[in-house]
Amino acid sequence: MTFLPDTGYTPTPEDRAGLDAWFAEYDAASARREIARMADMAVFPLNLVSDDSAGNGRSAQWDREQFVATMTHVMGEGGEEITFESTRTPVFLSPSMAVVFTDSVMTAGGTTRQLRYADVLVRRDGVWAFQTMIQSGWGDNL
């Protein structure tokens, strides 16, 4: 039998820096609407957890094609600049798994929205990728 340690994993400064760098790259790709690049940074099938307009919890798995199609529909293919100001709180479960809670302000076309979401990321061969997206309001798209 394997016994788990009394406390969770404590990330190294390098762990945190690598995760921060991944999010900086992902936010930059999002701001430029580089949806194919965003998809490159994911593990498919991608798990999604949300709720719909009727207030029901929903979940789904998307392949790369569904991710690209949905994000293109939601984000558009150009136009006004998108900016993000985010505060992230990562919880490292191990050196290769993290749940990251984000409070973000997104501004597009002069409209500002506050977002709160969580992502589950995994590190494979030293590279982070998101595997699960958790955010309210996407359920009608699932």
Protein backbone atom coordinates (compact mmCIF):
# COMPACT_ATOMS: atom_id res chain seq x y z
CA MET A 1 0.00 0.00 0.00
CA THR A 2 1.22 3.50 -0.82
CA PHE A 3 0.81 6.18 1.80
CA LEU A 4 0.30 9.76 0.71
CA PRO A 5 2.30 12.51 2.41
CA ASP A 6 0.62 14.54 5.15
CA THR A 7 0.72 17.70 3.06
CA GLY A 8 0.26 18.49 -0.60
CA TYR A 9 3.02 19.14 -3.05
CA THR A 10 4.89 22.40 -2.57
CA PRO A 11 5.91 23.81 -5.94
CA THR A 12 9.41 25.03 -6.59
CA PRO A 13 10.00 28.55 -7.92
CA GLU A 14 10.71 26.89 -11.28
CA ASP A 15 7.34 25.09 -11.19
CA ARG A 16 5.52 28.38 -10.63
CA ALA A 17 7.60 30.26 -13.21
CA GLY A 18 6.88 27.60 -15.84
CA LEU A 19 3.16 27.75 -15.17
CA ASP A 20 3.16 31.56 -15.23
CA ALA A 21 5.03 31.52 -18.55
CA TRP A 22 2.49 29.09 -19.99
CA PHE A 23 -0.40 31.37 -19.03
CA ALA A 24 1.38 34.44 -20.43
CA GLU A 25 1.76 32.63 -23.76
CA TYR A 26 -1.85 31.41 -23.71
CA ASP A 27 -3.20 34.88 -22.87
CA ALA A 28 -1.12 36.39 -25.67
CA ALA A 29 -2.47 33.84 -28.17
CA SER A 30 -6.01 34.56 -26.93
CA ALA A 31 -5.53 38.32 -27.29
CA ARG A 32 -4.38 37.79 -30.90
CA ARG A 33 -7.23 35.30 -31.50
CA GLU A 34 -4.70 32.64 -32.51
CA ILE A 35 -7.15 29.84 -31.87
CA ALA A 36 -5.06 27.15 -33.53
CA ARG A 37 -2.18 28.09 -31.22
CA MET A 38 -4.53 27.95 -28.22
CA ALA A 39 -5.53 24.45 -29.33
CA ASP A 40 -1.85 23.49 -29.58
CA MET A 41 -1.62 24.23 -25.85
CA ALA A 42 -4.34 21.73 -24.89
CA VAL A 43 -4.66 17.99 -24.35
CA PHE A 44 -7.51 16.43 -26.34
CA PRO A 45 -10.07 15.24 -25.64
CA LEU A 46 -10.49 18.40 -23.57
CA ASN A 47 -12.86 18.20 -20.60
CA LEU A 48 -15.29 21.07 -20.07
CA VAL A 49 -17.43 21.72 -17.02
CA SER A 50 -19.97 24.54 -17.00
CA ASP A 51 -23.58 25.46 -16.47
CA ASP A 52 -26.22 26.40 -19.01
CA SER A 53 -28.75 29.24 -19.24
CA ALA A 54 -31.32 27.06 -17.45
CA GLY A 55 -28.99 26.74 -14.47
CA ASN A 56 -28.07 23.10 -15.02
CA GLY A 57 -24.54 21.80 -14.62
CA ARG A 58 -23.09 20.44 -17.85
CA SER A 59 -19.96 18.65 -18.93
CA ALA A 60 -18.55 17.53 -22.24
CA GLN A 61 -15.42 16.50 -24.03
CA TRP A 62 -14.25 18.37 -27.10
CA ASP A 63 -11.84 17.24 -29.74
CA ARG A 64 -9.54 19.78 -31.37
CA GLU A 65 -12.00 20.48 -34.18
CA GLN A 66 -14.83 21.31 -31.74
CA PHE A 67 -12.53 23.52 -29.66
CA VAL A 68 -11.38 25.49 -32.71
CA ALA A 69 -14.92 25.86 -34.07
CA THR A 70 -16.42 26.97 -30.75
CA MET A 71 -13.61 29.35 -29.81
CA THR A 72 -13.68 30.87 -33.30
CA HIS A 73 -17.43 31.43 -32.93
CA VAL A 74 -17.10 32.90 -29.42
CA MET A 75 -13.97 35.01 -29.95
CA GLY A 76 -14.37 35.94 -33.59
CA GLU A 77 -11.61 36.09 -36.13
CA GLY A 78 -10.25 39.57 -35.69
CA GLY A 79 -11.51 43.01 -35.00
CA GLU A 80 -11.08 44.86 -31.76
CA GLU A 81 -8.19 44.27 -29.43
CA ILE A 82 -8.69 41.93 -26.49
CA THR A 83 -6.76 42.47 -23.26
CA PHE A 84 -6.64 40.38 -20.10
CA GLU A 85 -5.63 41.30 -16.57
CA SER A 86 -5.59 38.11 -14.53
CA THR A 87 -4.83 37.02 -11.01
CA ARG A 88 -4.08 33.34 -10.81
CA THR A 89 -3.99 31.05 -7.81
CA PRO A 90 -2.41 27.71 -8.70
CA VAL A 91 -2.78 24.65 -6.54
CA PHE A 92 -0.08 22.17 -7.46
CA LEU A 93 -1.13 18.58 -6.87
CA SER A 94 2.27 17.32 -8.01
CA PRO A 95 5.12 18.61 -10.17
CA SER A 96 3.04 17.66 -13.22
CA MET A 97 -0.55 18.55 -12.20
CA ALA A 98 -2.08 21.85 -11.17
CA VAL A 99 -5.54 23.30 -10.71
CA VAL A 100 -5.44 27.02 -11.40
CA PHE A 101 -8.14 29.42 -10.25
CA THR A 102 -8.29 32.66 -12.21
CA ASP A 103 -9.99 36.00 -11.64
CA SER A 104 -9.68 37.99 -14.83
CA VAL A 105 -10.80 41.24 -16.38
CA MET A 106 -11.24 40.95 -20.15
CA THR A 107 -11.67 44.06 -22.26
CA ALA A 108 -12.76 43.86 -25.89
CA GLY A 109 -14.11 46.70 -28.00
CA GLY A 110 -14.46 48.97 -24.99
CA THR A 111 -16.54 46.41 -23.07
CA THR A 112 -15.10 44.99 -19.87
CA ARG A 113 -16.16 41.67 -18.34
CA GLN A 114 -15.06 40.05 -15.12
CA LEU A 115 -14.38 36.34 -15.39
CA ARG A 116 -13.74 33.64 -12.81
CA TYR A 117 -12.68 30.19 -13.96
CA ALA A 118 -10.47 27.23 -13.22
CA ASP A 119 -8.25 25.10 -15.39
CA VAL A 120 -6.64 21.74 -14.80
CA LEU A 121 -3.20 21.58 -16.36
CA VAL A 122 -0.83 18.69 -16.81
CA ARG A 123 2.86 18.80 -17.63
CA ARG A 124 4.13 16.29 -20.17
CA ASP A 125 7.76 16.11 -21.23
CA GLY A 126 8.34 19.39 -19.39
CA VAL A 127 5.56 21.29 -21.19
CA TRP A 128 2.30 22.43 -19.58
CA ALA A 129 -1.03 21.91 -21.35
CA PHE A 130 -4.57 22.48 -20.21
CA GLN A 131 -6.81 19.44 -20.01
CA THR A 132 -9.96 20.70 -18.29
CA MET A 133 -11.71 24.07 -18.50
CA ILE A 134 -14.21 24.97 -15.77
CA GLN A 135 -16.25 28.17 -16.22
CA SER A 136 -19.83 29.23 -15.79
CA GLY A 137 -21.92 30.18 -18.80
CA TRP A 138 -20.56 27.87 -21.50
CA GLY A 139 -23.11 25.09 -21.01
CA ASP A 140 -25.33 26.07 -23.95
CA ASN A 141 -22.27 25.51 -26.19
CA LEU A 142 -21.62 22.00 -24.88
